[in-house]
Amino acid sequence: MMTYLLILQIMMFTSLFVIYKPFRYYCLSYFFGFLWKHKELAKFLGVKFESNLTWKPSAKDVQVYVSGIYPTLIIKFLQIKDFDLNDVRNQIMRQQIGKAKNINITSYLDELDGKEMSLTKFYEFVSICVLKELDRIFLIFKNEEQLSMFNKHVSIFADVFVDVVGDWKLGMKKFFKHLDSMWYIYKILGELDPDKKLIALVSHISSVHTFCGSLLKNLKENVEHNFINSNVGFLPYLYKGELYLMSFDFSDKISPQSPAFGPLSRQCPGSNIAYNLSKSYVQFYNDFDFKINGSPIYHYDVINRVQNRDKIMLSFKKKVK
């Protein structure tokens, strides 16, 4: 009897997987990283591939795929009730009007003069600098205590966030290891407005990873281009009912409308924030001499990341003009 029930369940699952696309896409969302590396299998399962440089979907028919397991977990953690991606997107874009151009973190980064630290500590330092500046511009937090507590734990959250998206086993392991920090972040997020939650987390995490990752390349040219192109490898989109994995390929266009922020019809809503932060990163790169000791080991996935950050040492010295 049990064998027949099992066979029936397998048949029902298979039929639903083949016939009902939303169910199939949800199942596939557990394995986007795997499918990205095995494109022929992905295509067989109905997944399509595009590049940010050439894809031009119509705005009304395309959206980031947020029904998968990881976006669902992140949305629940953010505590955004009645989550409407377009509504939150529009709120974030409105927040940036007339404000994003005032972002400048060079004064914070000047504190690195004469210091040496691991890449892990550098991530933490830059994360705090960016968060302070975003709070100054967008008044994200209710008071100094909130900002101070958020700063204390946000780098841990960022580490967990990146791993959950790219390697869910490692991400969940870190989540439970740092449960106290995750609780503090969760508690504070519950007191913030939806658009400001995303500015405090997603916009700032993406920008920090882009900056720190680009800095390791020891750039000789195209500095501006490198600091505007993110470390995101790909993102899932829904377009006219079909699932797409869109690669983020290197763009030489420097503006808030650069393909580095996604297709023009559905760009990252925080593109103005990222663009103006990149100006500070370029200024820092031009103003400082720095040394990198150690060889980074990269893991390429949804978000490309350095796995051995504790073993990479950085030293900084401001140039004499």
Protein backbone atom coordinates (compact mmCIF):
# COMPACT_ATOMS: atom_id res chain seq x y z
CA MET A 1 0.00 0.00 0.00
CA MET A 2 2.79 2.39 0.94
CA THR A 3 4.57 1.65 -2.33
CA TYR A 4 1.47 2.57 -4.35
CA LEU A 5 1.05 5.81 -2.39
CA LEU A 6 4.67 6.71 -3.03
CA ILE A 7 4.31 6.01 -6.75
CA LEU A 8 1.14 8.13 -6.83
CA GLN A 9 2.90 11.02 -5.06
CA ILE A 10 5.83 10.85 -7.50
CA MET A 11 3.43 10.87 -10.46
CA MET A 12 1.53 13.85 -9.04
CA PHE A 13 4.77 15.76 -8.38
CA THR A 14 6.09 15.03 -11.85
CA SER A 15 2.85 16.06 -13.54
CA LEU A 16 2.69 19.28 -11.55
CA PHE A 17 6.37 20.00 -12.24
CA VAL A 18 5.92 19.55 -15.99
CA ILE A 19 2.54 21.24 -16.44
CA TYR A 20 2.44 24.06 -13.85
CA LYS A 21 5.29 26.51 -14.44
CA PRO A 22 5.05 28.46 -11.14
CA PHE A 23 5.53 25.19 -9.22
CA ARG A 24 8.43 24.17 -11.46
CA TYR A 25 10.15 27.54 -11.05
CA TYR A 26 9.72 27.39 -7.28
CA CYS A 27 11.38 23.95 -7.20
CA LEU A 28 14.18 25.16 -9.45
CA SER A 29 14.80 28.18 -7.17
CA TYR A 30 16.55 25.84 -4.73
CA PHE A 31 19.15 25.10 -7.40
CA PHE A 32 19.69 28.35 -9.33
CA GLY A 33 23.43 28.26 -8.61
CA PHE A 34 23.66 24.70 -9.93
CA LEU A 35 21.54 25.51 -12.99
CA TRP A 36 23.71 28.55 -13.73
CA LYS A 37 26.72 26.24 -13.99
CA HIS A 38 24.83 23.61 -16.02
CA LYS A 39 23.06 25.70 -18.63
CA GLU A 40 22.14 22.86 -20.98
CA LEU A 41 20.24 21.11 -18.20
CA ALA A 42 18.61 24.41 -17.26
CA LYS A 43 17.49 25.00 -20.84
CA PHE A 44 16.03 21.49 -20.95
CA LEU A 45 13.98 22.41 -17.86
CA GLY A 46 12.68 25.54 -19.56
CA VAL A 47 15.07 28.16 -18.17
CA LYS A 48 16.20 30.90 -20.55
CA PHE A 49 19.41 32.94 -20.39
CA GLU A 50 20.11 36.58 -21.19
CA SER A 51 22.81 39.21 -20.62
CA ASN A 52 22.33 42.62 -19.00
CA LEU A 53 24.19 44.14 -21.97
CA THR A 54 21.76 42.98 -24.65
CA TRP A 55 18.45 42.07 -23.01
CA LYS A 56 15.68 44.63 -23.52
CA PRO A 57 12.47 43.27 -21.98
CA SER A 58 9.38 45.47 -21.82
CA ALA A 59 8.89 47.06 -18.39
CA LYS A 60 5.29 45.91 -17.96
CA ASP A 61 6.12 42.24 -18.55
CA VAL A 62 9.32 41.75 -16.54
CA GLN A 63 10.10 41.53 -12.83
CA VAL A 64 12.73 40.06 -10.57
CA TYR A 65 11.68 36.56 -9.51
CA VAL A 66 10.83 36.87 -5.82
CA SER A 67 8.67 33.76 -5.38
CA GLY A 68 11.62 31.42 -4.86
CA ILE A 69 12.67 30.05 -1.50
CA TYR A 70 15.48 32.55 -0.79
CA PRO A 71 13.66 35.77 -1.74
CA THR A 72 10.70 34.51 0.31
CA LEU A 73 12.92 33.98 3.36
CA ILE A 74 14.53 37.41 2.92
CA ILE A 75 11.15 39.15 2.56
CA LYS A 76 9.91 37.45 5.73
CA PHE A 77 13.07 38.50 7.54
CA LEU A 78 12.59 42.08 6.32
CA GLN A 79 9.04 41.96 7.73
CA ILE A 80 7.44 43.70 4.78
CA LYS A 81 3.71 43.01 5.01
CA ASP A 82 1.69 42.77 1.79
CA PHE A 83 4.98 42.85 -0.12
CA ASP A 84 4.57 44.56 -3.49
CA LEU A 85 7.86 44.71 -5.36
CA ASN A 86 6.78 47.56 -7.64
CA ASP A 87 5.47 49.63 -4.72
CA VAL A 88 8.67 49.22 -2.68
CA ARG A 89 10.74 49.83 -5.81
CA ASN A 90 8.93 53.12 -6.48
CA GLN A 91 9.33 54.21 -2.85
CA ILE A 92 13.09 53.64 -2.99
CA MET A 93 13.42 55.55 -6.25
CA ARG A 94 11.43 58.48 -4.85
CA GLN A 95 13.66 58.55 -1.77
CA GLN A 96 16.73 59.14 -3.98
CA ILE A 97 15.39 62.17 -5.86
CA GLY A 98 17.53 65.16 -4.94
CA LYS A 99 19.29 63.22 -2.16
CA ALA A 100 21.48 60.51 -3.66
CA LYS A 101 23.78 63.08 -5.30
CA ASN A 102 24.88 64.22 -1.81
CA ILE A 103 26.36 60.82 -0.88
CA ASN A 104 30.07 61.04 -0.12
CA ILE A 105 32.02 58.69 2.17
CA THR A 106 35.56 59.88 1.41
CA SER A 107 35.93 61.52 4.83
CA TYR A 108 35.13 58.20 6.52
CA LEU A 109 37.57 56.29 4.31
CA ASP A 110 40.35 58.75 5.13
CA GLU A 111 40.49 57.09 8.56
CA LEU A 112 42.20 54.10 6.89
CA ASP A 113 45.42 56.10 6.46
CA GLY A 114 48.31 54.15 7.97
CA LYS A 115 46.20 51.16 8.98
CA GLU A 116 46.49 47.45 8.26
CA MET A 117 43.62 44.97 8.55
CA SER A 118 42.21 41.74 7.17
CA LEU A 119 39.76 41.82 4.31
CA THR A 120 37.08 40.74 6.78
CA LYS A 121 37.73 43.79 8.96
CA PHE A 122 37.87 45.98 5.86
CA TYR A 123 34.41 44.77 4.82
CA GLU A 124 33.14 45.63 8.29
CA PHE A 125 34.75 49.07 8.24
CA VAL A 126 33.38 50.01 4.80
CA SER A 127 29.97 48.62 5.72
CA ILE A 128 29.76 50.90 8.75
CA CYS A 129 30.95 53.91 6.71
CA VAL A 130 28.33 53.35 4.03
CA LEU A 131 25.56 52.79 6.55
CA LYS A 132 26.41 55.98 8.46
CA GLU A 133 26.30 57.99 5.25
CA LEU A 134 23.05 56.44 4.05
CA ASP A 135 21.50 57.23 7.42
CA ARG A 136 22.74 60.84 7.18
CA ILE A 137 21.14 61.24 3.77
CA PHE A 138 17.95 59.20 4.10
CA LEU A 139 17.30 59.31 7.88
CA ILE A 140 16.87 55.55 8.02
CA PHE A 141 17.02 55.01 11.77
CA LYS A 142 14.85 56.45 14.53
CA ASN A 143 17.76 57.32 16.83
CA GLU A 144 21.51 56.92 17.43
CA GLU A 145 20.98 53.79 19.51
CA GLN A 146 19.31 52.02 16.58
CA LEU A 147 22.13 53.02 14.23
CA SER A 148 24.80 51.93 16.71
CA MET A 149 23.19 48.54 17.29
CA PHE A 150 22.59 47.99 13.58
CA ASN A 151 26.21 48.87 12.80
CA LYS A 152 27.41 46.38 15.38
CA HIS A 153 25.68 43.45 13.72
CA VAL A 154 25.10 44.39 10.05
CA SER A 155 28.38 42.96 8.70
CA ILE A 156 27.43 39.57 10.14
CA PHE A 157 24.00 39.84 8.51
CA ALA A 158 25.64 40.79 5.20
CA ASP A 159 27.85 37.72 5.38
CA VAL A 160 24.85 35.48 6.08
CA PHE A 161 22.76 37.20 3.37
CA VAL A 162 25.38 36.67 0.68
CA ASP A 163 25.85 33.01 1.61
CA VAL A 164 22.14 32.24 1.85
CA VAL A 165 21.69 33.55 -1.69
CA GLY A 166 24.74 31.73 -3.04
CA ASP A 167 25.17 28.65 -0.81
CA TRP A 168 22.09 28.05 1.33
CA LYS A 169 23.70 25.31 3.47
CA LEU A 170 26.60 27.55 4.47
CA GLY A 171 24.25 30.51 4.85
CA MET A 172 21.88 28.70 7.22
CA LYS A 173 24.83 27.35 9.20
CA LYS A 174 26.08 30.92 9.71
CA PHE A 175 22.53 32.09 10.48
CA PHE A 176 22.23 29.77 13.48
CA LYS A 177 25.84 30.38 14.52
CA HIS A 178 25.11 34.12 14.78
CA LEU A 179 21.52 33.86 15.93
CA ASP A 180 21.96 36.69 18.46
CA SER A 181 23.12 39.15 15.78
CA MET A 182 20.35 38.06 13.44
CA TRP A 183 17.82 38.65 16.21
CA TYR A 184 19.06 42.22 16.80
CA ILE A 185 18.89 43.00 13.06
CA TYR A 186 15.42 41.45 12.83
CA LYS A 187 14.21 43.47 15.81
CA ILE A 188 15.46 46.78 14.38
CA LEU A 189 14.10 46.05 10.90
CA GLY A 190 10.65 45.64 12.42
CA GLU A 191 10.77 49.32 13.43
CA LEU A 192 11.83 50.73 10.03
CA ASP A 193 9.81 51.78 6.97
CA PRO A 194 9.81 49.21 4.09
CA ASP A 195 11.82 51.33 1.64
CA LYS A 196 14.39 52.27 4.28
CA LYS A 197 14.85 48.63 5.24
CA LEU A 198 15.94 47.85 1.69
CA ILE A 199 18.20 50.90 1.48
CA ALA A 200 19.83 49.92 4.80
CA LEU A 201 20.42 46.34 3.72
CA VAL A 202 20.29 45.46 0.05
CA SER A 203 21.64 48.73 -1.41
CA HIS A 204 24.45 48.97 1.08
CA ILE A 205 25.43 45.27 1.03
CA SER A 206 25.64 45.18 -2.76
CA SER A 207 27.72 48.37 -2.87
CA VAL A 208 30.16 47.23 -0.18
CA HIS A 209 30.76 43.90 -1.92
CA THR A 210 31.33 45.66 -5.23
CA PHE A 211 33.88 48.04 -3.70
CA CYS A 212 35.82 45.46 -1.72
CA GLY A 213 35.80 42.94 -4.55
CA SER A 214 37.00 45.48 -7.12
CA LEU A 215 39.74 46.75 -4.83
CA LEU A 216 41.35 43.29 -4.80
CA LYS A 217 41.86 43.44 -8.56
CA ASN A 218 44.57 46.08 -8.10
CA LEU A 219 43.20 48.00 -11.06
CA LYS A 220 45.40 49.74 -13.58
CA GLU A 221 42.75 51.18 -15.86
CA ASN A 222 38.97 51.52 -16.17
CA VAL A 223 38.78 52.22 -12.45
CA GLU A 224 35.38 53.88 -12.70
CA HIS A 225 33.95 50.97 -14.68
CA ASN A 226 35.11 48.42 -12.12
CA PHE A 227 33.56 50.18 -9.16
CA ILE A 228 30.18 50.47 -10.86
CA ASN A 229 29.99 46.85 -12.03
CA SER A 230 28.71 44.75 -9.15
CA ASN A 231 29.81 41.33 -7.90
CA VAL A 232 26.42 39.89 -8.75
CA GLY A 233 26.87 36.99 -11.15
CA PHE A 234 23.25 36.66 -12.22
CA LEU A 235 19.65 37.27 -11.13
CA PRO A 236 16.44 35.36 -11.86
CA TYR A 237 13.67 37.22 -13.68
CA LEU A 238 10.14 36.42 -14.83
CA TYR A 239 9.33 37.70 -18.30
CA LYS A 240 5.98 36.96 -19.92
CA GLY A 241 5.58 33.93 -17.69
CA GLU A 242 8.99 32.47 -18.50
CA LEU A 243 11.95 32.10 -16.14
CA TYR A 244 15.18 33.86 -17.13
CA LEU A 245 18.61 33.85 -15.50
CA MET A 246 20.25 37.12 -16.54
CA SER A 247 24.03 37.45 -16.31
CA PHE A 248 25.65 40.68 -15.16
CA ASP A 249 28.39 41.18 -17.71
CA PHE A 250 30.94 43.99 -17.59
CA SER A 251 29.53 47.32 -18.79
CA ASP A 252 31.66 50.31 -19.77
CA LYS A 253 28.79 52.78 -19.33
CA ILE A 254 29.14 55.00 -16.25
CA SER A 255 25.78 56.39 -15.13
CA PRO A 256 22.81 55.44 -12.93
CA GLN A 257 21.25 53.98 -16.10
CA SER A 258 24.20 51.69 -16.83
CA PRO A 259 23.43 48.06 -17.78
CA ALA A 260 25.60 47.25 -14.74
CA PHE A 261 22.40 47.85 -12.73
CA GLY A 262 20.29 45.56 -14.89
CA PRO A 263 18.18 45.98 -18.04
CA LEU A 264 16.99 49.55 -18.47
CA SER A 265 13.32 48.58 -18.11
CA ARG A 266 13.91 46.88 -14.74
CA GLN A 267 17.05 48.27 -13.15
CA CYS A 268 18.07 48.04 -9.53
CA PRO A 269 15.97 50.69 -7.72
CA GLY A 270 19.04 51.73 -5.75
CA SER A 271 21.14 52.49 -8.84
CA ASN A 272 21.51 56.17 -7.92
CA ILE A 273 22.81 55.22 -4.48
CA ALA A 274 25.29 52.74 -5.94
CA TYR A 275 26.41 55.18 -8.64
CA ASN A 276 27.14 57.98 -6.16
CA LEU A 277 28.88 55.64 -3.72
CA SER A 278 31.10 54.50 -6.60
CA LYS A 279 32.37 58.08 -6.96
CA SER A 280 33.70 57.92 -3.41
CA TYR A 281 35.29 54.54 -4.12
CA VAL A 282 37.09 55.92 -7.17
CA GLN A 283 38.28 58.94 -5.16
CA PHE A 284 39.61 56.62 -2.45
CA TYR A 285 41.41 54.46 -5.02
CA ASN A 286 43.10 57.51 -6.53
CA ASP A 287 44.03 59.05 -3.14
CA PHE A 288 45.53 55.96 -1.49
CA ASP A 289 48.40 53.56 -1.98
CA PHE A 290 47.57 50.11 -0.66
CA LYS A 291 49.13 46.67 -0.51
CA ILE A 292 47.40 43.31 -0.71
CA ASN A 293 49.00 40.31 0.98
CA GLY A 294 47.46 36.95 0.14
CA SER A 295 45.66 35.45 -2.84
CA PRO A 296 41.86 35.59 -2.83
CA ILE A 297 39.93 32.41 -3.48
CA TYR A 298 36.72 33.20 -5.32
CA HIS A 299 33.37 31.43 -5.30
CA TYR A 300 31.29 32.33 -8.35
CA ASP A 301 27.52 32.13 -7.94
CA VAL A 302 24.54 34.47 -7.65
CA ILE A 303 26.87 36.82 -5.77
CA ASN A 304 30.58 36.30 -6.48
CA ARG A 305 32.48 36.36 -3.20
CA VAL A 306 35.91 35.82 -1.64
CA GLN A 307 35.99 32.72 0.55
CA ASN A 308 39.25 33.37 2.45
CA ARG A 309 38.76 36.96 3.61
CA ASP A 310 40.44 36.37 6.98
CA LYS A 311 43.68 35.41 5.20
CA ILE A 312 43.85 38.50 2.96
CA MET A 313 45.66 41.45 4.60
CA LEU A 314 45.38 45.04 3.37
CA SER A 315 47.50 48.06 4.31
CA PHE A 316 46.70 51.67 3.39
CA LYS A 317 48.69 54.87 3.04
CA LYS A 318 47.29 58.14 1.75
CA LYS A 319 49.31 59.66 -1.11
CA VAL A 320 51.15 62.90 -0.51
CA LYS A 321 50.04 65.55 -2.98
